[in-house]
């Protein structure tokens, strides 16, 4: 049981870290870089980026993070270990990451992708304005939640191996 728990937590740490790193890259470099370009270029770049991020590899990594965290929670409760609280907290934070993604970022992504191609500079600006600030703020929340989830799972793993 201890080995299975360690494997589940290791998978959770790696996959959650990959998700956290992906959203961090957007907050740390992609969005600040896009702030420096004109409205039309930014909207076209965002359309290209958000339509490619939801690819099979990223979706599998994201799903595996959730599954491995759920397995860790079940195993922690089944074994009656002191890891139950930290892994539940890590899972809650990852669920928050997913909630922010599905309730916040994805609707904004779909809105900018499905919007008609603007015909004027004002329309390009309006489309950018409706997306950029809201999306970035929500993404910062995803960075925080996913990173904390990964940190908590890492701490739980340290507790587990010294137990």
C-alpha atoms as a PDB file:
ATOM      1  CA  UNK A   1       0.000   0.000   0.000  1.00  0.00           C
ATOM      2  CA  UNK A   2       2.850   2.382   0.860  1.00  0.00           C
ATOM      3  CA  UNK A   3       4.459   1.906  -2.564  1.00  0.00           C
ATOM      4  CA  UNK A   4       1.173   2.412  -4.416  1.00  0.00           C
ATOM      5  CA  UNK A   5       0.561   5.580  -2.407  1.00  0.00           C
ATOM      6  CA  UNK A   6       4.066   6.840  -3.233  1.00  0.00           C
ATOM      7  CA  UNK A   7       3.541   6.169  -6.947  1.00  0.00           C
ATOM      8  CA  UNK A   8       0.140   7.897  -6.955  1.00  0.00           C
ATOM      9  CA  UNK A   9       1.581  10.932  -5.187  1.00  0.00           C
ATOM     10  CA  UNK A  10       4.631  11.033  -7.483  1.00  0.00           C
ATOM     11  CA  UNK A  11       2.374  11.005 -10.541  1.00  0.00           C
ATOM     12  CA  UNK A  12       0.230  13.722  -8.928  1.00  0.00           C
ATOM     13  CA  UNK A  13       3.297  15.865  -8.232  1.00  0.00           C
ATOM     14  CA  UNK A  14       4.692  15.573 -11.755  1.00  0.00           C
ATOM     15  CA  UNK A  15       1.410  16.064 -13.618  1.00  0.00           C
ATOM     16  CA  UNK A  16       0.160  18.850 -11.355  1.00  0.00           C
ATOM     17  CA  UNK A  17       3.556  20.506 -11.716  1.00  0.00           C
ATOM     18  CA  UNK A  18       3.257  20.318 -15.499  1.00  0.00           C
ATOM     19  CA  UNK A  19      -0.187  21.935 -15.369  1.00  0.00           C
ATOM     20  CA  UNK A  20       1.074  24.611 -12.962  1.00  0.00           C
ATOM     21  CA  UNK A  21       4.057  25.249 -15.222  1.00  0.00           C
ATOM     22  CA  UNK A  22       1.875  25.596 -18.293  1.00  0.00           C
ATOM     23  CA  UNK A  23      -0.416  28.187 -16.724  1.00  0.00           C
ATOM     24  CA  UNK A  24       2.604  29.901 -15.123  1.00  0.00           C
ATOM     25  CA  UNK A  25       4.195  30.282 -18.559  1.00  0.00           C
ATOM     26  CA  UNK A  26       1.104  32.158 -19.730  1.00  0.00           C
ATOM     27  CA  UNK A  27       1.129  34.471 -16.696  1.00  0.00           C
ATOM     28  CA  UNK A  28       4.878  34.989 -16.711  1.00  0.00           C
ATOM     29  CA  UNK A  29       5.737  35.326 -20.391  1.00  0.00           C
ATOM     30  CA  UNK A  30       2.944  34.783 -22.912  1.00  0.00           C
ATOM     31  CA  UNK A  31       0.473  37.395 -21.685  1.00  0.00           C
ATOM     32  CA  UNK A  32       3.136  40.014 -20.791  1.00  0.00           C
ATOM     33  CA  UNK A  33       4.616  39.513 -24.263  1.00  0.00           C
ATOM     34  CA  UNK A  34       1.231  39.870 -25.930  1.00  0.00           C
ATOM     35  CA  UNK A  35       0.619  43.113 -24.009  1.00  0.00           C
ATOM     36  CA  UNK A  36       3.402  44.664 -26.083  1.00  0.00           C
ATOM     37  CA  UNK A  37       1.779  44.126 -29.471  1.00  0.00           C
ATOM     38  CA  UNK A  38      -1.112  45.782 -31.272  1.00  0.00           C
ATOM     39  CA  UNK A  39      -4.739  44.714 -30.766  1.00  0.00           C
ATOM     40  CA  UNK A  40      -5.132  42.835 -34.050  1.00  0.00           C
ATOM     41  CA  UNK A  41      -1.914  40.845 -33.600  1.00  0.00           C
ATOM     42  CA  UNK A  42      -2.781  40.033 -29.992  1.00  0.00           C
ATOM     43  CA  UNK A  43      -6.264  38.751 -30.826  1.00  0.00           C
ATOM     44  CA  UNK A  44      -4.959  36.628 -33.699  1.00  0.00           C
ATOM     45  CA  UNK A  45      -2.151  35.244 -31.528  1.00  0.00           C
ATOM     46  CA  UNK A  46      -4.569  34.377 -28.707  1.00  0.00           C
ATOM     47  CA  UNK A  47      -6.881  32.632 -31.160  1.00  0.00           C
ATOM     48  CA  UNK A  48      -3.974  30.493 -32.356  1.00  0.00           C
ATOM     49  CA  UNK A  49      -2.640  29.792 -28.855  1.00  0.00           C
ATOM     50  CA  UNK A  50      -5.888  28.863 -27.127  1.00  0.00           C
ATOM     51  CA  UNK A  51      -6.976  26.650 -29.986  1.00  0.00           C
ATOM     52  CA  UNK A  52      -3.740  24.646 -29.703  1.00  0.00           C
ATOM     53  CA  UNK A  53      -3.356  24.296 -25.934  1.00  0.00           C
ATOM     54  CA  UNK A  54      -6.341  21.954 -25.558  1.00  0.00           C
ATOM     55  CA  UNK A  55      -4.473  19.133 -27.282  1.00  0.00           C
ATOM     56  CA  UNK A  56      -4.534  15.427 -26.372  1.00  0.00           C
ATOM     57  CA  UNK A  57      -1.212  15.520 -24.510  1.00  0.00           C
ATOM     58  CA  UNK A  58      -2.187  18.431 -22.262  1.00  0.00           C
ATOM     59  CA  UNK A  59      -5.667  17.021 -21.679  1.00  0.00           C
ATOM     60  CA  UNK A  60      -4.176  13.644 -20.670  1.00  0.00           C
ATOM     61  CA  UNK A  61      -1.692  15.294 -18.300  1.00  0.00           C
ATOM     62  CA  UNK A  62      -4.464  17.392 -16.743  1.00  0.00           C
ATOM     63  CA  UNK A  63      -6.745  14.369 -16.358  1.00  0.00           C
ATOM     64  CA  UNK A  64      -3.925  12.234 -14.954  1.00  0.00           C
ATOM     65  CA  UNK A  65      -3.242  14.919 -12.338  1.00  0.00           C
ATOM     66  CA  UNK A  66      -6.861  14.697 -11.215  1.00  0.00           C
ATOM     67  CA  UNK A  67      -6.988  10.892 -11.241  1.00  0.00           C
ATOM     68  CA  UNK A  68      -3.692  10.483  -9.374  1.00  0.00           C
ATOM     69  CA  UNK A  69      -4.793  13.000  -6.760  1.00  0.00           C
ATOM     70  CA  UNK A  70      -8.112  11.199  -6.315  1.00  0.00           C
ATOM     71  CA  UNK A  71      -6.288   7.867  -5.958  1.00  0.00           C
ATOM     72  CA  UNK A  72      -3.996   9.459  -3.360  1.00  0.00           C
ATOM     73  CA  UNK A  73      -6.995  10.695  -1.369  1.00  0.00           C
ATOM     74  CA  UNK A  74      -8.699   7.290  -1.452  1.00  0.00           C
ATOM     75  CA  UNK A  75      -5.497   5.508  -0.422  1.00  0.00           C
ATOM     76  CA  UNK A  76      -4.800   7.996   2.383  1.00  0.00           C
ATOM     77  CA  UNK A  77      -8.279   7.490   3.832  1.00  0.00           C
ATOM     78  CA  UNK A  78      -8.192   3.721   3.318  1.00  0.00           C
ATOM     79  CA  UNK A  79      -4.859   3.435   5.122  1.00  0.00           C
ATOM     80  CA  UNK A  80      -5.952   5.872   7.824  1.00  0.00           C
ATOM     81  CA  UNK A  81      -2.740   7.874   7.492  1.00  0.00           C
ATOM     82  CA  UNK A  82      -2.003  11.432   8.542  1.00  0.00           C
ATOM     83  CA  UNK A  83      -1.744  12.249   4.839  1.00  0.00           C
ATOM     84  CA  UNK A  84      -5.511  12.435   4.410  1.00  0.00           C
ATOM     85  CA  UNK A  85      -5.781  16.141   5.240  1.00  0.00           C
ATOM     86  CA  UNK A  86      -2.907  17.365   3.052  1.00  0.00           C
ATOM     87  CA  UNK A  87      -3.893  15.299   0.021  1.00  0.00           C
ATOM     88  CA  UNK A  88      -7.514  16.424   0.330  1.00  0.00           C
ATOM     89  CA  UNK A  89      -6.318  20.032   0.497  1.00  0.00           C
ATOM     90  CA  UNK A  90      -4.098  19.452  -2.547  1.00  0.00           C
ATOM     91  CA  UNK A  91      -7.044  17.935  -4.413  1.00  0.00           C
ATOM     92  CA  UNK A  92      -9.332  20.839  -3.467  1.00  0.00           C
ATOM     93  CA  UNK A  93      -6.754  23.284  -4.821  1.00  0.00           C
ATOM     94  CA  UNK A  94      -6.452  21.323  -8.051  1.00  0.00           C
ATOM     95  CA  UNK A  95     -10.242  21.237  -8.355  1.00  0.00           C
ATOM     96  CA  UNK A  96     -10.154  25.031  -7.932  1.00  0.00           C
ATOM     97  CA  UNK A  97      -7.645  25.164 -10.799  1.00  0.00           C
ATOM     98  CA  UNK A  98     -10.048  23.175 -12.972  1.00  0.00           C
ATOM     99  CA  UNK A  99     -13.051  25.253 -11.873  1.00  0.00           C
ATOM    100  CA  UNK A 100     -11.254  28.481 -12.803  1.00  0.00           C
ATOM    101  CA  UNK A 101     -10.317  26.926 -16.136  1.00  0.00           C
ATOM    102  CA  UNK A 102     -13.780  25.654 -17.050  1.00  0.00           C
ATOM    103  CA  UNK A 103     -15.811  28.527 -15.589  1.00  0.00           C
ATOM    104  CA  UNK A 104     -13.437  31.366 -16.442  1.00  0.00           C
ATOM    105  CA  UNK A 105     -10.706  30.841 -19.006  1.00  0.00           C
ATOM    106  CA  UNK A 106     -12.478  28.461 -21.381  1.00  0.00           C
ATOM    107  CA  UNK A 107     -15.590  30.658 -21.832  1.00  0.00           C
ATOM    108  CA  UNK A 108     -13.304  33.618 -22.582  1.00  0.00           C
ATOM    109  CA  UNK A 109     -11.283  31.459 -24.994  1.00  0.00           C
ATOM    110  CA  UNK A 110     -14.430  30.371 -26.806  1.00  0.00           C
ATOM    111  CA  UNK A 111     -15.731  33.938 -26.966  1.00  0.00           C
ATOM    112  CA  UNK A 112     -12.572  35.261 -28.605  1.00  0.00           C
ATOM    113  CA  UNK A 113     -12.346  32.292 -30.999  1.00  0.00           C
ATOM    114  CA  UNK A 114     -16.005  32.474 -32.055  1.00  0.00           C
ATOM    115  CA  UNK A 115     -16.168  36.266 -32.347  1.00  0.00           C
ATOM    116  CA  UNK A 116     -16.495  37.555 -35.884  1.00  0.00           C
ATOM    117  CA  UNK A 117     -13.298  38.970 -37.367  1.00  0.00           C
ATOM    118  CA  UNK A 118     -13.285  42.677 -36.483  1.00  0.00           C
ATOM    119  CA  UNK A 119     -13.460  45.171 -39.333  1.00  0.00           C
ATOM    120  CA  UNK A 120     -12.169  48.272 -37.547  1.00  0.00           C
ATOM    121  CA  UNK A 121      -9.402  49.141 -35.109  1.00  0.00           C
ATOM    122  CA  UNK A 122     -12.054  49.907 -32.496  1.00  0.00           C
ATOM    123  CA  UNK A 123     -13.550  46.430 -32.878  1.00  0.00           C
ATOM    124  CA  UNK A 124     -10.116  44.793 -32.527  1.00  0.00           C
ATOM    125  CA  UNK A 125      -9.540  46.847 -29.379  1.00  0.00           C
ATOM    126  CA  UNK A 126     -12.974  45.962 -27.958  1.00  0.00           C
ATOM    127  CA  UNK A 127     -12.411  42.237 -28.551  1.00  0.00           C
ATOM    128  CA  UNK A 128      -9.008  42.411 -26.890  1.00  0.00           C
ATOM    129  CA  UNK A 129     -10.354  44.458 -23.993  1.00  0.00           C
ATOM    130  CA  UNK A 130     -13.182  41.960 -23.354  1.00  0.00           C
ATOM    131  CA  UNK A 131     -10.633  39.151 -23.074  1.00  0.00           C
ATOM    132  CA  UNK A 132      -7.187  40.157 -21.878  1.00  0.00           C
ATOM    133  CA  UNK A 133      -7.529  41.521 -18.340  1.00  0.00           C
ATOM    134  CA  UNK A 134     -10.207  39.054 -17.174  1.00  0.00           C
ATOM    135  CA  UNK A 135      -8.393  36.072 -18.651  1.00  0.00           C
ATOM    136  CA  UNK A 136      -5.067  37.096 -17.123  1.00  0.00           C
ATOM    137  CA  UNK A 137      -6.514  37.628 -13.636  1.00  0.00           C
ATOM    138  CA  UNK A 138      -8.261  34.248 -13.721  1.00  0.00           C
ATOM    139  CA  UNK A 139      -5.056  32.637 -14.976  1.00  0.00           C
ATOM    140  CA  UNK A 140      -3.090  34.093 -12.047  1.00  0.00           C
ATOM    141  CA  UNK A 141      -5.603  32.297  -9.798  1.00  0.00           C
ATOM    142  CA  UNK A 142      -4.943  29.050 -11.673  1.00  0.00           C
ATOM    143  CA  UNK A 143      -1.201  29.498 -11.218  1.00  0.00           C
ATOM    144  CA  UNK A 144      -1.610  29.991  -7.478  1.00  0.00           C
ATOM    145  CA  UNK A 145      -4.038  27.083  -7.008  1.00  0.00           C
ATOM    146  CA  UNK A 146      -2.108  24.579  -9.152  1.00  0.00           C
ATOM    147  CA  UNK A 147       1.244  25.553  -7.648  1.00  0.00           C
ATOM    148  CA  UNK A 148      -0.064  25.249  -4.093  1.00  0.00           C
ATOM    149  CA  UNK A 149      -1.592  21.878  -4.952  1.00  0.00           C
ATOM    150  CA  UNK A 150       1.779  20.669  -6.232  1.00  0.00           C
ATOM    151  CA  UNK A 151       3.600  22.038  -3.172  1.00  0.00           C
ATOM    152  CA  UNK A 152       1.149  20.355  -0.802  1.00  0.00           C
ATOM    153  CA  UNK A 153       1.476  17.023  -2.603  1.00  0.00           C
ATOM    154  CA  UNK A 154       5.263  17.365  -2.455  1.00  0.00           C
ATOM    155  CA  UNK A 155       5.086  18.012   1.300  1.00  0.00           C
ATOM    156  CA  UNK A 156       2.744  15.033   1.695  1.00  0.00           C
ATOM    157  CA  UNK A 157       5.204  12.860  -0.222  1.00  0.00           C
ATOM    158  CA  UNK A 158       7.996  13.967   2.127  1.00  0.00           C
ATOM    159  CA  UNK A 159       5.785  13.049   5.092  1.00  0.00           C
ATOM    160  CA  UNK A 160       4.973   9.706   3.474  1.00  0.00           C
ATOM    161  CA  UNK A 161       8.555   8.634   2.825  1.00  0.00           C
ATOM    162  CA  UNK A 162       9.659   9.552   6.360  1.00  0.00           C
ATOM    163  CA  UNK A 163       6.643   7.861   7.950  1.00  0.00           C
END
